[in-house]
Amino acid sequence: MPDAKPAAEFYCPNCGQPAPDPLLCGDCGALLCRTCGKPVERIDELGIG
């Protein structure tokens, strides 16, 4: 049986919604929300996934 994965692995606390396809900053390597440009967080680290 395949493992169940969340629809998005990342969450944008600024937008208050999942960020399924974040951008990777070429300068610092941060993952950024495509909507607002703020850094996203992993859902499993937030305890909401």
PDB file of N, CA and C in Angstrom:
ATOM      1  N   MET A   1       0.833  -1.170   0.000  1.00  0.00           N
ATOM      2  CA  MET A   1       0.000   0.000   0.000  1.00  0.00           C
ATOM      3  C   MET A   1       0.888   1.248   0.000  1.00  0.00           C
ATOM      4  N   PRO A   2       0.673   2.203  -0.902  1.00  0.00           N
ATOM      5  CA  PRO A   2       1.520   3.392  -0.936  1.00  0.00           C
ATOM      6  C   PRO A   2       1.282   4.286   0.286  1.00  0.00           C
ATOM      7  N   ASP A   3       2.344   4.995   0.663  1.00  0.00           N
ATOM      8  CA  ASP A   3       2.227   5.915   1.790  1.00  0.00           C
ATOM      9  C   ASP A   3       1.338   7.087   1.398  1.00  0.00           C
ATOM     10  N   ALA A   4       0.503   7.529   2.331  1.00  0.00           N
ATOM     11  CA  ALA A   4      -0.347   8.697   2.089  1.00  0.00           C
ATOM     12  C   ALA A   4       0.485   9.951   2.305  1.00  0.00           C
ATOM     13  N   LYS A   5       0.513  10.813   1.300  1.00  0.00           N
ATOM     14  CA  LYS A   5       1.260  12.065   1.401  1.00  0.00           C
ATOM     15  C   LYS A   5       0.275  13.216   1.416  1.00  0.00           C
ATOM     16  N   PRO A   6       0.567  14.282   2.159  1.00  0.00           N
ATOM     17  CA  PRO A   6      -0.316  15.441   2.117  1.00  0.00           C
ATOM     18  C   PRO A   6      -0.305  16.072   0.724  1.00  0.00           C
ATOM     19  N   ALA A   7      -1.358  16.816   0.395  1.00  0.00           N
ATOM     20  CA  ALA A   7      -1.450  17.464  -0.907  1.00  0.00           C
ATOM     21  C   ALA A   7      -0.295  18.439  -1.100  1.00  0.00           C
ATOM     22  N   ALA A   8       0.118  19.091  -0.042  1.00  0.00           N
ATOM     23  CA  ALA A   8       1.248  20.011  -0.099  1.00  0.00           C
ATOM     24  C   ALA A   8       2.153  19.734   1.089  1.00  0.00           C
ATOM     25  N   GLU A   9       3.453  19.769   0.863  1.00  0.00           N
ATOM     26  CA  GLU A   9       4.397  19.525   1.942  1.00  0.00           C
ATOM     27  C   GLU A   9       4.754  20.812   2.665  1.00  0.00           C
ATOM     28  N   PHE A  10       4.417  21.954   2.069  1.00  0.00           N
ATOM     29  CA  PHE A  10       4.780  23.241   2.649  1.00  0.00           C
ATOM     30  C   PHE A  10       3.545  24.101   2.878  1.00  0.00           C
ATOM     31  N   TYR A  11       3.666  25.017   3.849  1.00  0.00           N
ATOM     32  CA  TYR A  11       2.573  25.876   4.267  1.00  0.00           C
ATOM     33  C   TYR A  11       3.092  27.304   4.376  1.00  0.00           C
ATOM     34  N   CYS A  12       2.321  28.263   3.893  1.00  0.00           N
ATOM     35  CA  CYS A  12       2.703  29.669   4.012  1.00  0.00           C
ATOM     36  C   CYS A  12       1.956  30.288   5.187  1.00  0.00           C
ATOM     37  N   PRO A  13       2.652  30.629   6.271  1.00  0.00           N
ATOM     38  CA  PRO A  13       1.977  31.232   7.412  1.00  0.00           C
ATOM     39  C   PRO A  13       1.452  32.636   7.098  1.00  0.00           C
ATOM     40  N   ASN A  14       2.040  33.317   6.130  1.00  0.00           N
ATOM     41  CA  ASN A  14       1.576  34.651   5.759  1.00  0.00           C
ATOM     42  C   ASN A  14       0.233  34.585   5.030  1.00  0.00           C
ATOM     43  N   CYS A  15       0.095  33.672   4.076  1.00  0.00           N
ATOM     44  CA  CYS A  15      -1.154  33.506   3.328  1.00  0.00           C
ATOM     45  C   CYS A  15      -2.165  32.663   4.100  1.00  0.00           C
ATOM     46  N   GLY A  16      -1.672  31.815   5.006  1.00  0.00           N
ATOM     47  CA  GLY A  16      -2.549  30.937   5.767  1.00  0.00           C
ATOM     48  C   GLY A  16      -3.077  29.768   4.960  1.00  0.00           C
ATOM     49  N   GLN A  17      -2.271  29.293   3.995  1.00  0.00           N
ATOM     50  CA  GLN A  17      -2.708  28.181   3.160  1.00  0.00           C
ATOM     51  C   GLN A  17      -1.517  27.348   2.703  1.00  0.00           C
ATOM     52  N   PRO A  18      -1.788  26.131   2.201  1.00  0.00           N
ATOM     53  CA  PRO A  18      -0.697  25.296   1.690  1.00  0.00           C
ATOM     54  C   PRO A  18       0.015  25.956   0.513  1.00  0.00           C
ATOM     55  N   ALA A  19       1.291  25.671   0.394  1.00  0.00           N
ATOM     56  CA  ALA A  19       2.106  26.169  -0.720  1.00  0.00           C
ATOM     57  C   ALA A  19       2.659  24.946  -1.448  1.00  0.00           C
ATOM     58  N   PRO A  20       1.887  24.389  -2.401  1.00  0.00           N
ATOM     59  CA  PRO A  20       2.275  23.121  -3.021  1.00  0.00           C
ATOM     60  C   PRO A  20       3.506  23.191  -3.924  1.00  0.00           C
ATOM     61  N   ASP A  21       3.837  24.364  -4.439  1.00  0.00           N
ATOM     62  CA  ASP A  21       4.950  24.485  -5.380  1.00  0.00           C
ATOM     63  C   ASP A  21       5.772  25.740  -5.070  1.00  0.00           C
ATOM     64  N   PRO A  22       6.530  25.732  -3.945  1.00  0.00           N
ATOM     65  CA  PRO A  22       7.278  26.933  -3.573  1.00  0.00           C
ATOM     66  C   PRO A  22       8.451  27.209  -4.516  1.00  0.00           C
ATOM     67  N   LEU A  23       8.871  28.451  -4.544  1.00  0.00           N
ATOM     68  CA  LEU A  23      10.038  28.868  -5.325  1.00  0.00           C
ATOM     69  C   LEU A  23      11.297  28.682  -4.496  1.00  0.00           C
ATOM     70  N   LEU A  24      12.401  28.394  -5.138  1.00  0.00           N
ATOM     71  CA  LEU A  24      13.691  28.268  -4.466  1.00  0.00           C
ATOM     72  C   LEU A  24      14.504  29.526  -4.745  1.00  0.00           C
ATOM     73  N   CYS A  25      14.903  30.235  -3.699  1.00  0.00           N
ATOM     74  CA  CYS A  25      15.716  31.440  -3.854  1.00  0.00           C
ATOM     75  C   CYS A  25      17.124  31.036  -4.307  1.00  0.00           C
ATOM     76  N   GLY A  26      17.591  31.627  -5.393  1.00  0.00           N
ATOM     77  CA  GLY A  26      18.911  31.306  -5.920  1.00  0.00           C
ATOM     78  C   GLY A  26      20.047  31.858  -5.075  1.00  0.00           C
ATOM     79  N   ASP A  27      19.781  32.892  -4.283  1.00  0.00           N
ATOM     80  CA  ASP A  27      20.825  33.494  -3.455  1.00  0.00           C
ATOM     81  C   ASP A  27      21.006  32.774  -2.120  1.00  0.00           C
ATOM     82  N   CYS A  28      19.898  32.546  -1.411  1.00  0.00           N
ATOM     83  CA  CYS A  28      20.024  31.997  -0.058  1.00  0.00           C
ATOM     84  C   CYS A  28      19.501  30.567   0.080  1.00  0.00           C
ATOM     85  N   GLY A  29      18.789  30.057  -0.936  1.00  0.00           N
ATOM     86  CA  GLY A  29      18.288  28.692  -0.878  1.00  0.00           C
ATOM     87  C   GLY A  29      16.983  28.529  -0.117  1.00  0.00           C
ATOM     88  N   ALA A  30      16.335  29.627   0.274  1.00  0.00           N
ATOM     89  CA  ALA A  30      15.069  29.551   0.996  1.00  0.00           C
ATOM     90  C   ALA A  30      13.948  29.155   0.044  1.00  0.00           C
ATOM     91  N   LEU A  31      12.942  28.482   0.581  1.00  0.00           N
ATOM     92  CA  LEU A  31      11.742  28.161  -0.185  1.00  0.00           C
ATOM     93  C   LEU A  31      10.726  29.263   0.074  1.00  0.00           C
ATOM     94  N   LEU A  32      10.206  29.849  -1.013  1.00  0.00           N
ATOM     95  CA  LEU A  32       9.328  31.001  -0.915  1.00  0.00           C
ATOM     96  C   LEU A  32       7.958  30.709  -1.509  1.00  0.00           C
ATOM     97  N   CYS A  33       6.940  31.320  -0.922  1.00  0.00           N
ATOM     98  CA  CYS A  33       5.570  31.203  -1.417  1.00  0.00           C
ATOM     99  C   CYS A  33       5.466  31.913  -2.766  1.00  0.00           C
ATOM    100  N   ARG A  34       4.831  31.275  -3.734  1.00  0.00           N
ATOM    101  CA  ARG A  34       4.654  31.886  -5.056  1.00  0.00           C
ATOM    102  C   ARG A  34       3.642  33.028  -5.026  1.00  0.00           C
ATOM    103  N   THR A  35       2.772  33.073  -4.034  1.00  0.00           N
ATOM    104  CA  THR A  35       1.749  34.111  -3.952  1.00  0.00           C
ATOM    105  C   THR A  35       2.277  35.397  -3.328  1.00  0.00           C
ATOM    106  N   CYS A  36       2.938  35.275  -2.155  1.00  0.00           N
ATOM    107  CA  CYS A  36       3.347  36.479  -1.433  1.00  0.00           C
ATOM    108  C   CYS A  36       4.861  36.675  -1.354  1.00  0.00           C
ATOM    109  N   GLY A  37       5.644  35.628  -1.638  1.00  0.00           N
ATOM    110  CA  GLY A  37       7.097  35.754  -1.613  1.00  0.00           C
ATOM    111  C   GLY A  37       7.736  35.551  -0.247  1.00  0.00           C
ATOM    112  N   LYS A  38       6.937  35.254   0.765  1.00  0.00           N
ATOM    113  CA  LYS A  38       7.470  35.012   2.112  1.00  0.00           C
ATOM    114  C   LYS A  38       7.955  33.572   2.236  1.00  0.00           C
ATOM    115  N   PRO A  39       8.886  33.292   3.153  1.00  0.00           N
ATOM    116  CA  PRO A  39       9.360  31.916   3.357  1.00  0.00           C
ATOM    117  C   PRO A  39       8.230  30.996   3.822  1.00  0.00           C
ATOM    118  N   VAL A  40       8.253  29.768   3.320  1.00  0.00           N
ATOM    119  CA  VAL A  40       7.264  28.761   3.711  1.00  0.00           C
ATOM    120  C   VAL A  40       7.875  27.824   4.744  1.00  0.00           C
ATOM    121  N   GLU A  41       7.011  27.059   5.412  1.00  0.00           N
ATOM    122  CA  GLU A  41       7.446  26.110   6.425  1.00  0.00           C
ATOM    123  C   GLU A  41       6.929  24.732   6.065  1.00  0.00           C
ATOM    124  N   ARG A  42       7.644  23.701   6.535  1.00  0.00           N
ATOM    125  CA  ARG A  42       7.194  22.329   6.294  1.00  0.00           C
ATOM    126  C   ARG A  42       5.964  22.047   7.161  1.00  0.00           C
ATOM    127  N   ILE A  43       4.957  21.431   6.570  1.00  0.00           N
ATOM    128  CA  ILE A  43       3.720  21.140   7.294  1.00  0.00           C
ATOM    129  C   ILE A  43       3.974  20.207   8.471  1.00  0.00           C
ATOM    130  N   ASP A  44       4.841  19.196   8.302  1.00  0.00           N
ATOM    131  CA  ASP A  44       5.084  18.248   9.387  1.00  0.00           C
ATOM    132  C   ASP A  44       5.755  18.904  10.586  1.00  0.00           C
ATOM    133  N   GLU A  45       6.465  20.001  10.387  1.00  0.00           N
ATOM    134  CA  GLU A  45       7.086  20.725  11.503  1.00  0.00           C
ATOM    135  C   GLU A  45       6.070  21.595  12.246  1.00  0.00           C
ATOM    136  N   LEU A  46       4.954  21.918  11.589  1.00  0.00           N
ATOM    137  CA  LEU A  46       3.938  22.757  12.200  1.00  0.00           C
ATOM    138  C   LEU A  46       2.907  21.953  12.975  1.00  0.00           C
ATOM    139  N   GLY A  47       2.831  20.650  12.709  1.00  0.00           N
ATOM    140  CA  GLY A  47       1.863  19.795  13.390  1.00  0.00           C
ATOM    141  C   GLY A  47       0.449  19.949  12.845  1.00  0.00           C
ATOM    142  N   ILE A  48       0.313  20.408  11.590  1.00  0.00           N
ATOM    143  CA  ILE A  48      -1.030  20.553  11.014  1.00  0.00           C
ATOM    144  C   ILE A  48      -1.260  19.596   9.866  1.00  0.00           C
ATOM    145  N   GLY A  49      -0.276  18.779   9.527  1.00  0.00           N
ATOM    146  CA  GLY A  49      -0.373  17.912   8.363  1.00  0.00           C
ATOM    147  C   GLY A  49      -0.885  16.598   8.620  1.00  0.00           C
TER     148      GLY A  49
END
